[in-house]
Amino acid sequence: MDKKNALRAGALAAGTTLMMLLMSSPALALARDDGDDPGPGLSVGETLGLYVLLPIALFAIIAGLVMALDKSKYRVTKPKAKA
């Protein structure tokens, strides 16, 4: 890629990022809407459990079930070394 195309791509990426940051202003989140009824906040432990531990546990359960219920005849093994 030549210098002109790299500069053009960088400017496009920077402009797109800047527009996305300006359009998603967090100051608008301070105004409450009618009917808005937020519940109590989550603690640090609840947040980590919900967004970190639970997905890892689900992945492990699904992977374990797939491996346990695998019915294929062929297994990938290393070739035996010649003596």
C-alpha atoms as a PDB file:
ATOM      1  CA  MET A   1       0.000   0.000   0.000  1.00  0.00           C
ATOM      2  CA  ASP A   2       1.462   3.322  -0.928  1.00  0.00           C
ATOM      3  CA  LYS A   3       1.692   6.348   1.343  1.00  0.00           C
ATOM      4  CA  LYS A   4      -1.308   8.160  -0.115  1.00  0.00           C
ATOM      5  CA  ASN A   5      -3.670   5.215   0.366  1.00  0.00           C
ATOM      6  CA  ALA A   6      -2.407   4.644   3.912  1.00  0.00           C
ATOM      7  CA  LEU A   7      -3.018   8.298   4.757  1.00  0.00           C
ATOM      8  CA  ARG A   8      -6.491   8.148   3.253  1.00  0.00           C
ATOM      9  CA  ALA A   9      -7.347   4.971   5.193  1.00  0.00           C
ATOM     10  CA  GLY A  10      -6.052   6.482   8.448  1.00  0.00           C
ATOM     11  CA  ALA A  11      -8.076   9.655   7.959  1.00  0.00           C
ATOM     12  CA  LEU A  12     -11.205   7.654   7.206  1.00  0.00           C
ATOM     13  CA  ALA A  13     -10.729   5.481  10.304  1.00  0.00           C
ATOM     14  CA  ALA A  14     -10.083   8.517  12.519  1.00  0.00           C
ATOM     15  CA  GLY A  15     -13.092  10.376  11.135  1.00  0.00           C
ATOM     16  CA  THR A  16     -15.374   7.399  11.582  1.00  0.00           C
ATOM     17  CA  THR A  17     -14.190   6.879  15.160  1.00  0.00           C
ATOM     18  CA  LEU A  18     -14.652  10.553  15.984  1.00  0.00           C
ATOM     19  CA  MET A  19     -18.185  10.591  14.566  1.00  0.00           C
ATOM     20  CA  MET A  20     -19.121   7.468  16.523  1.00  0.00           C
ATOM     21  CA  LEU A  21     -17.809   9.021  19.745  1.00  0.00           C
ATOM     22  CA  LEU A  22     -19.714  12.232  19.147  1.00  0.00           C
ATOM     23  CA  MET A  23     -22.968  10.460  18.287  1.00  0.00           C
ATOM     24  CA  SER A  24     -22.937   8.239  21.380  1.00  0.00           C
ATOM     25  CA  SER A  25     -22.816  10.970  23.981  1.00  0.00           C
ATOM     26  CA  PRO A  26     -23.120   9.562  27.505  1.00  0.00           C
ATOM     27  CA  ALA A  27     -24.582  12.882  28.725  1.00  0.00           C
ATOM     28  CA  LEU A  28     -27.901  11.863  27.177  1.00  0.00           C
ATOM     29  CA  ALA A  29     -28.054   8.902  29.559  1.00  0.00           C
ATOM     30  CA  LEU A  30     -28.578  11.259  32.519  1.00  0.00           C
ATOM     31  CA  ALA A  31     -32.070  12.264  31.369  1.00  0.00           C
ATOM     32  CA  ARG A  32     -34.632   9.764  32.652  1.00  0.00           C
ATOM     33  CA  ASP A  33     -37.402   8.598  30.338  1.00  0.00           C
ATOM     34  CA  ASP A  34     -41.039   8.195  31.307  1.00  0.00           C
ATOM     35  CA  GLY A  35     -41.648   4.707  32.624  1.00  0.00           C
ATOM     36  CA  ASP A  36     -37.957   4.154  33.338  1.00  0.00           C
ATOM     37  CA  ASP A  37     -37.665   1.963  36.431  1.00  0.00           C
ATOM     38  CA  PRO A  38     -34.087   0.741  36.934  1.00  0.00           C
ATOM     39  CA  GLY A  39     -33.549  -2.040  39.418  1.00  0.00           C
ATOM     40  CA  PRO A  40     -30.847  -2.250  42.047  1.00  0.00           C
ATOM     41  CA  GLY A  41     -27.266  -2.338  40.775  1.00  0.00           C
ATOM     42  CA  LEU A  42     -25.080  -5.427  40.657  1.00  0.00           C
ATOM     43  CA  SER A  43     -22.146  -5.925  42.982  1.00  0.00           C
ATOM     44  CA  VAL A  44     -18.671  -6.650  41.624  1.00  0.00           C
ATOM     45  CA  GLY A  45     -19.045 -10.357  42.412  1.00  0.00           C
ATOM     46  CA  GLU A  46     -22.426 -10.588  40.716  1.00  0.00           C
ATOM     47  CA  THR A  47     -21.097  -8.756  37.642  1.00  0.00           C
ATOM     48  CA  LEU A  48     -18.057 -11.023  37.324  1.00  0.00           C
ATOM     49  CA  GLY A  49     -20.176 -14.108  37.857  1.00  0.00           C
ATOM     50  CA  LEU A  50     -22.759 -13.085  35.287  1.00  0.00           C
ATOM     51  CA  TYR A  51     -20.448 -11.791  32.542  1.00  0.00           C
ATOM     52  CA  VAL A  52     -17.269 -13.857  33.065  1.00  0.00           C
ATOM     53  CA  LEU A  53     -17.835 -17.068  35.033  1.00  0.00           C
ATOM     54  CA  LEU A  54     -21.227 -18.021  33.622  1.00  0.00           C
ATOM     55  CA  PRO A  55     -20.100 -17.873  29.936  1.00  0.00           C
ATOM     56  CA  ILE A  56     -16.938 -19.851  30.754  1.00  0.00           C
ATOM     57  CA  ALA A  57     -19.005 -22.472  32.601  1.00  0.00           C
ATOM     58  CA  LEU A  58     -21.496 -22.748  29.727  1.00  0.00           C
ATOM     59  CA  PHE A  59     -18.650 -23.144  27.241  1.00  0.00           C
ATOM     60  CA  ALA A  60     -17.062 -25.874  29.368  1.00  0.00           C
ATOM     61  CA  ILE A  61     -20.375 -27.733  29.735  1.00  0.00           C
ATOM     62  CA  ILE A  62     -21.120 -27.613  26.000  1.00  0.00           C
ATOM     63  CA  ALA A  63     -17.557 -28.631  25.062  1.00  0.00           C
ATOM     64  CA  GLY A  64     -17.675 -31.491  27.580  1.00  0.00           C
ATOM     65  CA  LEU A  65     -20.995 -32.754  26.222  1.00  0.00           C
ATOM     66  CA  VAL A  66     -19.715 -32.602  22.653  1.00  0.00           C
ATOM     67  CA  MET A  67     -16.582 -34.570  23.563  1.00  0.00           C
ATOM     68  CA  ALA A  68     -18.498 -37.093  25.692  1.00  0.00           C
ATOM     69  CA  LEU A  69     -21.176 -37.741  23.072  1.00  0.00           C
ATOM     70  CA  ASP A  70     -18.796 -37.866  20.101  1.00  0.00           C
ATOM     71  CA  LYS A  71     -19.495 -41.069  18.159  1.00  0.00           C
ATOM     72  CA  SER A  72     -16.923 -40.747  15.403  1.00  0.00           C
ATOM     73  CA  LYS A  73     -14.765 -43.761  14.655  1.00  0.00           C
ATOM     74  CA  TYR A  74     -11.624 -41.890  13.718  1.00  0.00           C
ATOM     75  CA  ARG A  75      -9.337 -40.226  16.228  1.00  0.00           C
ATOM     76  CA  VAL A  76      -6.380 -38.005  15.412  1.00  0.00           C
ATOM     77  CA  THR A  77      -3.251 -39.559  16.853  1.00  0.00           C
ATOM     78  CA  LYS A  78       0.433 -38.817  16.558  1.00  0.00           C
ATOM     79  CA  PRO A  79       2.411 -41.117  14.285  1.00  0.00           C
ATOM     80  CA  LYS A  80       4.583 -43.625  16.131  1.00  0.00           C
ATOM     81  CA  ALA A  81       8.280 -42.870  16.187  1.00  0.00           C
ATOM     82  CA  LYS A  82      10.565 -45.324  14.413  1.00  0.00           C
ATOM     83  CA  ALA A  83      13.187 -46.989  16.581  1.00  0.00           C
END
